């Protein structure tokens, strides 16, 4: 039996955010504040450092108003995912200058090589669905966003 890696398995309601425009650093701090509480993360400072270092290396905006900041770290046992909607968009430092409105933050163990690539690939495929993106952007609250994220396959 093939195990399908789904981003939704690693997401929880407290890690779904509906935010007003803010700085990228503030966005990361808000998302990380809840992520580092997860039992799979043993060193919050190292995870924070890894996310910010990865972003300095290369901006994680992927186009169409979507960004996927991500990092792998030895102090993480398994995937931890957070989601944020910035409905009015935010400056993200991407080359195309398009405001980012959808953000998935992912941290993983440094031993999850194949799984990490699979998770990112599946997420990228899902984000090509314009109806799904529209539903997320138009959802009335975080509860609805969480339900949409959990039900999408």
N, C-alpha and C. Protein backbone atom coordinates (compact mmCIF):
# COMPACT_ATOMS: atom_id res chain seq x y z
N UNK A 1 0.83 -1.18 0.00
CA UNK A 1 0.00 0.00 0.00
C UNK A 1 0.88 1.24 0.00
N UNK A 2 0.57 2.20 -0.85
CA UNK A 2 1.34 3.43 -0.96
C UNK A 2 0.76 4.46 0.00
N UNK A 3 1.61 5.03 0.82
CA UNK A 3 1.19 6.06 1.76
C UNK A 3 1.28 7.42 1.08
N UNK A 4 0.15 8.10 0.98
CA UNK A 4 0.12 9.42 0.38
C UNK A 4 0.37 10.46 1.46
N UNK A 5 1.32 11.32 1.19
CA UNK A 5 1.64 12.38 2.13
C UNK A 5 0.74 13.58 1.83
N UNK A 6 -0.08 13.94 2.79
CA UNK A 6 -1.00 15.06 2.64
C UNK A 6 -0.65 16.16 3.63
N UNK A 7 -0.51 17.36 3.12
CA UNK A 7 -0.24 18.51 3.96
C UNK A 7 -1.27 18.63 5.07
N UNK A 8 -2.52 18.31 4.77
CA UNK A 8 -3.61 18.47 5.74
C UNK A 8 -3.43 17.60 6.99
N UNK A 9 -2.67 16.52 6.89
CA UNK A 9 -2.42 15.65 8.05
C UNK A 9 -1.57 16.35 9.11
N UNK A 10 -0.86 17.38 8.71
CA UNK A 10 0.11 18.03 9.59
C UNK A 10 -0.33 19.44 10.00
N UNK A 11 -1.58 19.76 9.74
CA UNK A 11 -2.14 21.07 10.04
C UNK A 11 -3.16 20.93 11.17
N UNK A 12 -3.31 21.97 11.97
CA UNK A 12 -4.33 21.97 13.02
C UNK A 12 -4.99 23.34 13.07
N UNK A 13 -6.18 23.44 13.66
CA UNK A 13 -6.91 24.71 13.66
C UNK A 13 -6.14 25.89 14.25
N UNK A 14 -5.35 25.64 15.28
CA UNK A 14 -4.61 26.75 15.89
C UNK A 14 -3.46 27.26 15.03
N UNK A 15 -3.16 26.54 13.96
CA UNK A 15 -2.11 26.99 13.03
C UNK A 15 -2.70 27.46 11.70
N UNK A 16 -3.93 27.94 11.74
CA UNK A 16 -4.57 28.56 10.58
C UNK A 16 -4.87 30.00 10.96
N UNK A 17 -4.33 30.94 10.18
CA UNK A 17 -4.40 32.36 10.52
C UNK A 17 -5.09 33.16 9.43
N UNK A 18 -5.83 34.17 9.85
CA UNK A 18 -6.44 35.14 8.95
C UNK A 18 -5.88 36.49 9.38
N UNK A 19 -5.00 37.06 8.55
CA UNK A 19 -4.23 38.23 8.97
C UNK A 19 -4.45 39.44 8.07
N UNK A 20 -4.21 40.59 8.65
CA UNK A 20 -4.18 41.84 7.90
C UNK A 20 -2.77 41.97 7.33
N UNK A 21 -2.58 42.83 6.32
CA UNK A 21 -1.22 43.02 5.77
C UNK A 21 -0.22 43.34 6.88
N UNK A 22 0.94 42.74 6.80
CA UNK A 22 1.99 42.90 7.80
C UNK A 22 3.33 42.65 7.14
N UNK A 23 4.42 42.81 7.89
CA UNK A 23 5.74 42.55 7.33
C UNK A 23 5.97 41.04 7.26
N UNK A 24 6.89 40.65 6.41
CA UNK A 24 7.21 39.22 6.30
C UNK A 24 7.76 38.69 7.62
N UNK A 25 8.61 39.46 8.27
CA UNK A 25 9.16 39.02 9.56
C UNK A 25 8.05 38.80 10.58
N UNK A 26 7.09 39.74 10.64
CA UNK A 26 5.98 39.59 11.58
C UNK A 26 5.12 38.38 11.23
N UNK A 27 4.88 38.17 9.94
CA UNK A 27 4.13 36.99 9.49
C UNK A 27 4.82 35.72 9.98
N UNK A 28 6.11 35.62 9.74
CA UNK A 28 6.86 34.43 10.15
C UNK A 28 6.79 34.23 11.66
N UNK A 29 6.93 35.32 12.43
CA UNK A 29 6.89 35.20 13.89
C UNK A 29 5.53 34.71 14.37
N UNK A 30 4.46 35.21 13.78
CA UNK A 30 3.11 34.77 14.17
C UNK A 30 2.93 33.29 13.86
N UNK A 31 3.30 32.88 12.66
CA UNK A 31 3.13 31.48 12.28
C UNK A 31 4.01 30.56 13.14
N UNK A 32 5.25 30.97 13.34
CA UNK A 32 6.17 30.16 14.13
C UNK A 32 5.76 30.08 15.60
N UNK A 33 5.12 31.12 16.12
CA UNK A 33 4.73 31.12 17.54
C UNK A 33 3.84 29.92 17.87
N UNK A 34 2.99 29.52 16.95
CA UNK A 34 2.13 28.34 17.17
C UNK A 34 2.81 27.05 16.74
N UNK A 35 3.59 27.12 15.67
CA UNK A 35 4.24 25.90 15.16
C UNK A 35 5.18 25.31 16.19
N UNK A 36 5.99 26.17 16.83
CA UNK A 36 7.02 25.66 17.74
C UNK A 36 6.45 25.04 19.01
N UNK A 37 5.14 25.19 19.23
CA UNK A 37 4.50 24.55 20.38
C UNK A 37 4.22 23.07 20.12
N UNK A 38 4.34 22.65 18.87
CA UNK A 38 4.06 21.25 18.50
C UNK A 38 5.13 20.33 19.09
N UNK A 39 4.71 19.17 19.56
CA UNK A 39 5.63 18.22 20.20
C UNK A 39 6.72 17.69 19.26
N UNK A 40 6.55 17.81 17.96
CA UNK A 40 7.56 17.33 17.01
C UNK A 40 8.76 18.28 16.91
N UNK A 41 8.64 19.46 17.49
CA UNK A 41 9.72 20.45 17.45
C UNK A 41 10.39 20.52 18.81
N UNK A 42 11.70 20.23 18.83
CA UNK A 42 12.45 20.17 20.08
C UNK A 42 13.28 21.41 20.37
N UNK A 43 13.52 22.23 19.36
CA UNK A 43 14.33 23.43 19.55
C UNK A 43 13.72 24.58 18.74
N UNK A 44 12.80 25.31 19.36
CA UNK A 44 12.11 26.40 18.65
C UNK A 44 13.06 27.43 18.03
N UNK A 45 14.13 27.77 18.74
CA UNK A 45 15.07 28.76 18.22
C UNK A 45 15.75 28.27 16.94
N UNK A 46 16.07 26.99 16.89
CA UNK A 46 16.72 26.42 15.69
C UNK A 46 15.75 26.41 14.51
N UNK A 47 14.48 26.12 14.76
CA UNK A 47 13.47 26.12 13.70
C UNK A 47 13.30 27.53 13.16
N UNK A 48 13.19 28.50 14.06
CA UNK A 48 13.06 29.90 13.65
C UNK A 48 14.27 30.30 12.79
N UNK A 49 15.44 29.96 13.26
CA UNK A 49 16.67 30.30 12.52
C UNK A 49 16.66 29.65 11.13
N UNK A 50 16.22 28.40 11.04
CA UNK A 50 16.19 27.67 9.77
C UNK A 50 15.22 28.32 8.78
N UNK A 51 14.04 28.72 9.25
CA UNK A 51 13.04 29.36 8.37
C UNK A 51 13.58 30.68 7.84
N UNK A 52 14.11 31.51 8.72
CA UNK A 52 14.63 32.81 8.29
C UNK A 52 15.85 32.66 7.38
N UNK A 53 16.72 31.67 7.67
CA UNK A 53 17.90 31.44 6.82
C UNK A 53 17.48 30.98 5.43
N UNK A 54 16.50 30.10 5.35
CA UNK A 54 16.02 29.62 4.05
C UNK A 54 15.43 30.77 3.24
N UNK A 55 14.74 31.66 3.89
CA UNK A 55 14.13 32.80 3.19
C UNK A 55 15.20 33.78 2.70
N UNK A 56 16.26 33.97 3.48
CA UNK A 56 17.38 34.84 3.04
C UNK A 56 18.09 34.24 1.82
N UNK A 57 18.15 32.91 1.78
CA UNK A 57 18.78 32.20 0.67
C UNK A 57 18.04 32.45 -0.63
N UNK A 58 16.72 32.37 -0.58
CA UNK A 58 15.89 32.56 -1.77
C UNK A 58 14.45 32.80 -1.33
N UNK A 59 13.84 33.84 -1.86
CA UNK A 59 12.45 34.16 -1.51
C UNK A 59 11.56 32.99 -1.89
N UNK A 60 10.65 32.63 -1.00
CA UNK A 60 9.83 31.43 -1.17
C UNK A 60 8.46 31.71 -1.80
N UNK A 61 8.27 32.88 -2.37
CA UNK A 61 7.05 33.13 -3.13
C UNK A 61 7.12 32.29 -4.40
N UNK A 62 6.00 31.65 -4.74
CA UNK A 62 5.99 30.75 -5.90
C UNK A 62 5.13 31.28 -7.04
N UNK A 63 4.63 32.51 -6.89
CA UNK A 63 3.80 33.12 -7.92
C UNK A 63 2.33 33.02 -7.59
N UNK A 64 1.53 33.81 -8.30
CA UNK A 64 0.08 33.83 -8.15
C UNK A 64 -0.37 34.18 -6.74
N UNK A 65 0.45 34.98 -6.02
CA UNK A 65 0.08 35.41 -4.68
C UNK A 65 0.26 34.37 -3.61
N UNK A 66 1.12 33.38 -3.87
CA UNK A 66 1.32 32.25 -2.94
C UNK A 66 2.79 32.19 -2.53
N UNK A 67 3.03 31.90 -1.24
CA UNK A 67 4.39 31.68 -0.74
C UNK A 67 4.40 30.42 0.12
N UNK A 68 5.53 29.73 0.08
CA UNK A 68 5.69 28.50 0.87
C UNK A 68 7.04 28.54 1.59
N UNK A 69 7.14 29.34 2.66
CA UNK A 69 8.38 29.29 3.44
C UNK A 69 8.52 27.91 4.06
N UNK A 70 9.72 27.36 3.98
CA UNK A 70 9.92 25.99 4.45
C UNK A 70 11.37 25.78 4.85
N UNK A 71 11.58 24.80 5.72
CA UNK A 71 12.94 24.45 6.14
C UNK A 71 12.93 23.06 6.76
N UNK A 72 14.10 22.46 6.74
CA UNK A 72 14.30 21.19 7.41
C UNK A 72 15.30 21.41 8.53
N UNK A 73 15.12 20.65 9.61
CA UNK A 73 15.95 20.88 10.78
C UNK A 73 16.10 19.58 11.56
N UNK A 74 17.28 19.34 12.13
CA UNK A 74 17.53 18.14 12.91
C UNK A 74 16.68 18.10 14.18
N UNK A 75 16.21 19.25 14.63
CA UNK A 75 15.44 19.32 15.88
C UNK A 75 13.94 19.10 15.67
N UNK A 76 13.57 18.63 14.48
CA UNK A 76 12.18 18.37 14.16
C UNK A 76 12.02 16.88 13.87
N UNK A 77 11.00 16.26 14.47
CA UNK A 77 10.76 14.83 14.28
C UNK A 77 9.89 14.52 13.07
N UNK A 78 8.95 15.42 12.75
CA UNK A 78 8.00 15.16 11.67
C UNK A 78 7.50 16.51 11.16
N UNK A 79 6.77 16.48 10.05
CA UNK A 79 6.23 17.71 9.48
C UNK A 79 5.36 18.47 10.48
N UNK A 80 5.45 19.79 10.42
CA UNK A 80 4.52 20.69 11.10
C UNK A 80 4.19 21.76 10.07
N UNK A 81 2.89 22.02 9.88
CA UNK A 81 2.44 22.95 8.84
C UNK A 81 1.57 24.03 9.47
N UNK A 82 1.71 25.24 8.95
CA UNK A 82 0.81 26.34 9.31
C UNK A 82 0.34 27.00 8.02
N UNK A 83 -0.82 27.63 8.09
CA UNK A 83 -1.40 28.32 6.93
C UNK A 83 -1.83 29.72 7.34
N UNK A 84 -1.59 30.68 6.47
CA UNK A 84 -2.07 32.04 6.71
C UNK A 84 -2.67 32.60 5.44
N UNK A 85 -3.80 33.29 5.64
CA UNK A 85 -4.39 34.06 4.56
C UNK A 85 -4.20 35.53 4.92
N UNK A 86 -3.64 36.28 3.97
CA UNK A 86 -3.53 37.73 4.10
C UNK A 86 -4.42 38.26 2.99
N UNK A 87 -5.70 38.36 3.31
CA UNK A 87 -6.72 38.59 2.28
C UNK A 87 -6.42 39.81 1.41
N UNK A 88 -5.92 40.89 2.00
CA UNK A 88 -5.62 42.10 1.23
C UNK A 88 -4.21 42.07 0.62
N UNK A 89 -3.48 41.00 0.85
CA UNK A 89 -2.15 40.85 0.29
C UNK A 89 -1.09 41.59 1.08
N UNK A 90 0.15 41.16 0.90
CA UNK A 90 1.29 41.76 1.59
C UNK A 90 2.51 41.77 0.69
N UNK A 91 3.39 42.69 0.94
CA UNK A 91 4.69 42.76 0.25
C UNK A 91 5.51 41.58 0.75
N UNK A 92 6.13 40.85 -0.19
CA UNK A 92 6.87 39.65 0.20
C UNK A 92 8.31 39.64 -0.31
N UNK A 93 8.65 40.62 -1.14
CA UNK A 93 10.01 40.66 -1.66
C UNK A 93 10.24 39.78 -2.87
N UNK A 94 9.16 39.34 -3.51
CA UNK A 94 9.29 38.49 -4.69
C UNK A 94 9.57 39.34 -5.94
N UNK A 95 10.23 38.73 -6.90
CA UNK A 95 10.64 39.43 -8.13
C UNK A 95 9.47 39.99 -8.92
N UNK A 96 8.34 39.26 -8.94
CA UNK A 96 7.20 39.73 -9.73
C UNK A 96 6.43 40.86 -9.04
N UNK A 97 6.73 41.12 -7.77
CA UNK A 97 6.10 42.20 -7.04
C UNK A 97 4.65 41.97 -6.69
N UNK A 98 4.12 40.79 -7.02
CA UNK A 98 2.72 40.49 -6.73
C UNK A 98 2.53 40.31 -5.22
N UNK A 99 1.46 40.89 -4.71
CA UNK A 99 1.16 40.75 -3.29
C UNK A 99 0.87 39.29 -2.97
N UNK A 100 1.40 38.83 -1.85
CA UNK A 100 1.17 37.46 -1.40
C UNK A 100 -0.06 37.45 -0.49
N UNK A 101 -0.96 36.49 -0.76
CA UNK A 101 -2.20 36.38 0.01
C UNK A 101 -2.36 35.01 0.68
N UNK A 102 -1.65 34.02 0.17
CA UNK A 102 -1.73 32.65 0.69
C UNK A 102 -0.32 32.21 1.09
N UNK A 103 -0.18 31.74 2.34
CA UNK A 103 1.13 31.32 2.83
C UNK A 103 1.00 29.99 3.56
N UNK A 104 1.78 29.02 3.13
CA UNK A 104 1.92 27.75 3.83
C UNK A 104 3.34 27.70 4.37
N UNK A 105 3.49 27.51 5.67
CA UNK A 105 4.82 27.35 6.27
C UNK A 105 4.97 25.89 6.66
N UNK A 106 6.10 25.30 6.26
CA UNK A 106 6.33 23.88 6.50
C UNK A 106 7.71 23.70 7.12
N UNK A 107 7.78 22.96 8.22
CA UNK A 107 9.06 22.51 8.76
C UNK A 107 9.05 21.00 8.79
N UNK A 108 10.23 20.43 8.62
CA UNK A 108 10.35 18.97 8.57
C UNK A 108 11.68 18.54 9.17
N UNK A 109 11.79 17.28 9.43
CA UNK A 109 13.05 16.69 9.88
C UNK A 109 14.06 16.73 8.74
N UNK A 110 15.32 16.83 9.08
CA UNK A 110 16.35 16.80 8.05
C UNK A 110 16.54 15.39 7.48
N UNK A 111 15.80 14.41 8.02
CA UNK A 111 15.86 13.03 7.50
C UNK A 111 14.68 12.70 6.58
N UNK A 112 13.79 13.64 6.35
CA UNK A 112 12.59 13.38 5.56
C UNK A 112 12.79 13.82 4.10
N UNK A 113 13.87 13.40 3.49
CA UNK A 113 14.20 13.84 2.14
C UNK A 113 13.09 13.58 1.12
N UNK A 114 12.77 12.33 0.89
CA UNK A 114 11.77 11.97 -0.12
C UNK A 114 10.39 12.48 0.27
N UNK A 115 10.03 12.32 1.53
CA UNK A 115 8.72 12.77 1.99
C UNK A 115 8.57 14.29 1.83
N UNK A 116 9.63 15.02 2.10
CA UNK A 116 9.64 16.48 1.99
C UNK A 116 9.35 16.92 0.56
N UNK A 117 10.03 16.29 -0.39
CA UNK A 117 9.81 16.61 -1.81
C UNK A 117 8.38 16.25 -2.20
N UNK A 118 7.89 15.09 -1.75
CA UNK A 118 6.52 14.68 -2.07
C UNK A 118 5.50 15.66 -1.50
N UNK A 119 5.70 16.07 -0.26
CA UNK A 119 4.76 17.00 0.36
C UNK A 119 4.73 18.33 -0.39
N UNK A 120 5.90 18.87 -0.71
CA UNK A 120 5.96 20.13 -1.46
C UNK A 120 5.34 19.98 -2.84
N UNK A 121 5.60 18.88 -3.51
CA UNK A 121 5.05 18.65 -4.84
C UNK A 121 3.53 18.56 -4.82
N UNK A 122 3.00 17.81 -3.85
CA UNK A 122 1.54 17.67 -3.74
C UNK A 122 0.89 19.01 -3.43
N UNK A 123 1.53 19.77 -2.58
CA UNK A 123 0.99 21.09 -2.26
C UNK A 123 0.99 21.99 -3.48
N UNK A 124 2.07 21.99 -4.24
CA UNK A 124 2.14 22.81 -5.46
C UNK A 124 1.05 22.41 -6.46
N UNK A 125 0.81 21.14 -6.61
CA UNK A 125 -0.26 20.68 -7.50
C UNK A 125 -1.62 21.18 -7.03
N UNK A 126 -1.86 21.07 -5.74
CA UNK A 126 -3.13 21.52 -5.18
C UNK A 126 -3.33 23.02 -5.37
N UNK A 127 -2.24 23.77 -5.29
CA UNK A 127 -2.33 25.23 -5.39
C UNK A 127 -2.54 25.71 -6.82
N UNK A 128 -2.51 24.81 -7.76
CA UNK A 128 -2.85 25.16 -9.16
C UNK A 128 -4.35 25.22 -9.38
N UNK A 129 -5.12 24.73 -8.41
CA UNK A 129 -6.57 24.71 -8.50
C UNK A 129 -7.11 26.10 -8.13
N UNK A 130 -7.49 26.87 -9.12
CA UNK A 130 -7.93 28.25 -8.88
C UNK A 130 -9.23 28.30 -8.06
N UNK A 131 -10.08 27.31 -8.20
CA UNK A 131 -11.31 27.27 -7.40
C UNK A 131 -10.98 27.10 -5.91
N UNK A 132 -10.03 26.23 -5.62
CA UNK A 132 -9.60 26.01 -4.24
C UNK A 132 -9.03 27.29 -3.65
N UNK A 133 -8.18 27.98 -4.40
CA UNK A 133 -7.59 29.24 -3.93
C UNK A 133 -8.69 30.27 -3.68
N UNK A 134 -9.62 30.37 -4.59
CA UNK A 134 -10.73 31.33 -4.43
C UNK A 134 -11.55 31.00 -3.18
N UNK A 135 -11.79 29.72 -2.93
CA UNK A 135 -12.53 29.33 -1.73
C UNK A 135 -11.78 29.74 -0.46
N UNK A 136 -10.47 29.54 -0.45
CA UNK A 136 -9.66 29.95 0.71
C UNK A 136 -9.72 31.46 0.90
N UNK A 137 -9.59 32.20 -0.19
CA UNK A 137 -9.58 33.66 -0.10
C UNK A 137 -10.94 34.22 0.32
N UNK A 138 -12.00 33.52 0.00
CA UNK A 138 -13.34 34.00 0.30
C UNK A 138 -13.96 33.38 1.55
N UNK A 139 -13.25 32.47 2.19
CA UNK A 139 -13.77 31.83 3.40
C UNK A 139 -14.04 32.88 4.47
N UNK A 140 -15.16 32.74 5.20
CA UNK A 140 -15.53 33.77 6.18
C UNK A 140 -14.68 33.78 7.45
N UNK A 141 -13.99 32.65 7.75
CA UNK A 141 -13.22 32.58 8.99
C UNK A 141 -12.20 31.44 8.94
N UNK A 142 -11.39 31.35 10.00
CA UNK A 142 -10.34 30.33 10.03
C UNK A 142 -10.91 28.92 10.12
N UNK A 143 -12.05 28.78 10.76
CA UNK A 143 -12.67 27.45 10.86
C UNK A 143 -13.02 26.91 9.47
N UNK A 144 -13.58 27.77 8.65
CA UNK A 144 -13.92 27.36 7.28
C UNK A 144 -12.66 27.08 6.47
N UNK A 145 -11.64 27.92 6.65
CA UNK A 145 -10.38 27.69 5.94
C UNK A 145 -9.80 26.33 6.33
N UNK A 146 -9.81 26.02 7.62
CA UNK A 146 -9.29 24.74 8.09
C UNK A 146 -10.06 23.59 7.46
N UNK A 147 -11.38 23.67 7.44
CA UNK A 147 -12.20 22.62 6.82
C UNK A 147 -11.86 22.46 5.35
N UNK A 148 -11.68 23.57 4.63
CA UNK A 148 -11.30 23.50 3.22
C UNK A 148 -9.94 22.83 3.05
N UNK A 149 -9.00 23.20 3.89
CA UNK A 149 -7.65 22.63 3.81
C UNK A 149 -7.65 21.14 4.14
N UNK A 150 -8.45 20.73 5.11
CA UNK A 150 -8.52 19.32 5.50
C UNK A 150 -9.25 18.48 4.45
N UNK A 151 -10.23 19.07 3.77
CA UNK A 151 -11.01 18.30 2.81
C UNK A 151 -10.38 18.24 1.43
N UNK A 152 -9.46 19.13 1.16
CA UNK A 152 -8.84 19.14 -0.18
C UNK A 152 -7.85 18.01 -0.31
N UNK A 153 -7.92 17.32 -1.41
CA UNK A 153 -6.99 16.20 -1.67
C UNK A 153 -6.34 16.39 -3.00
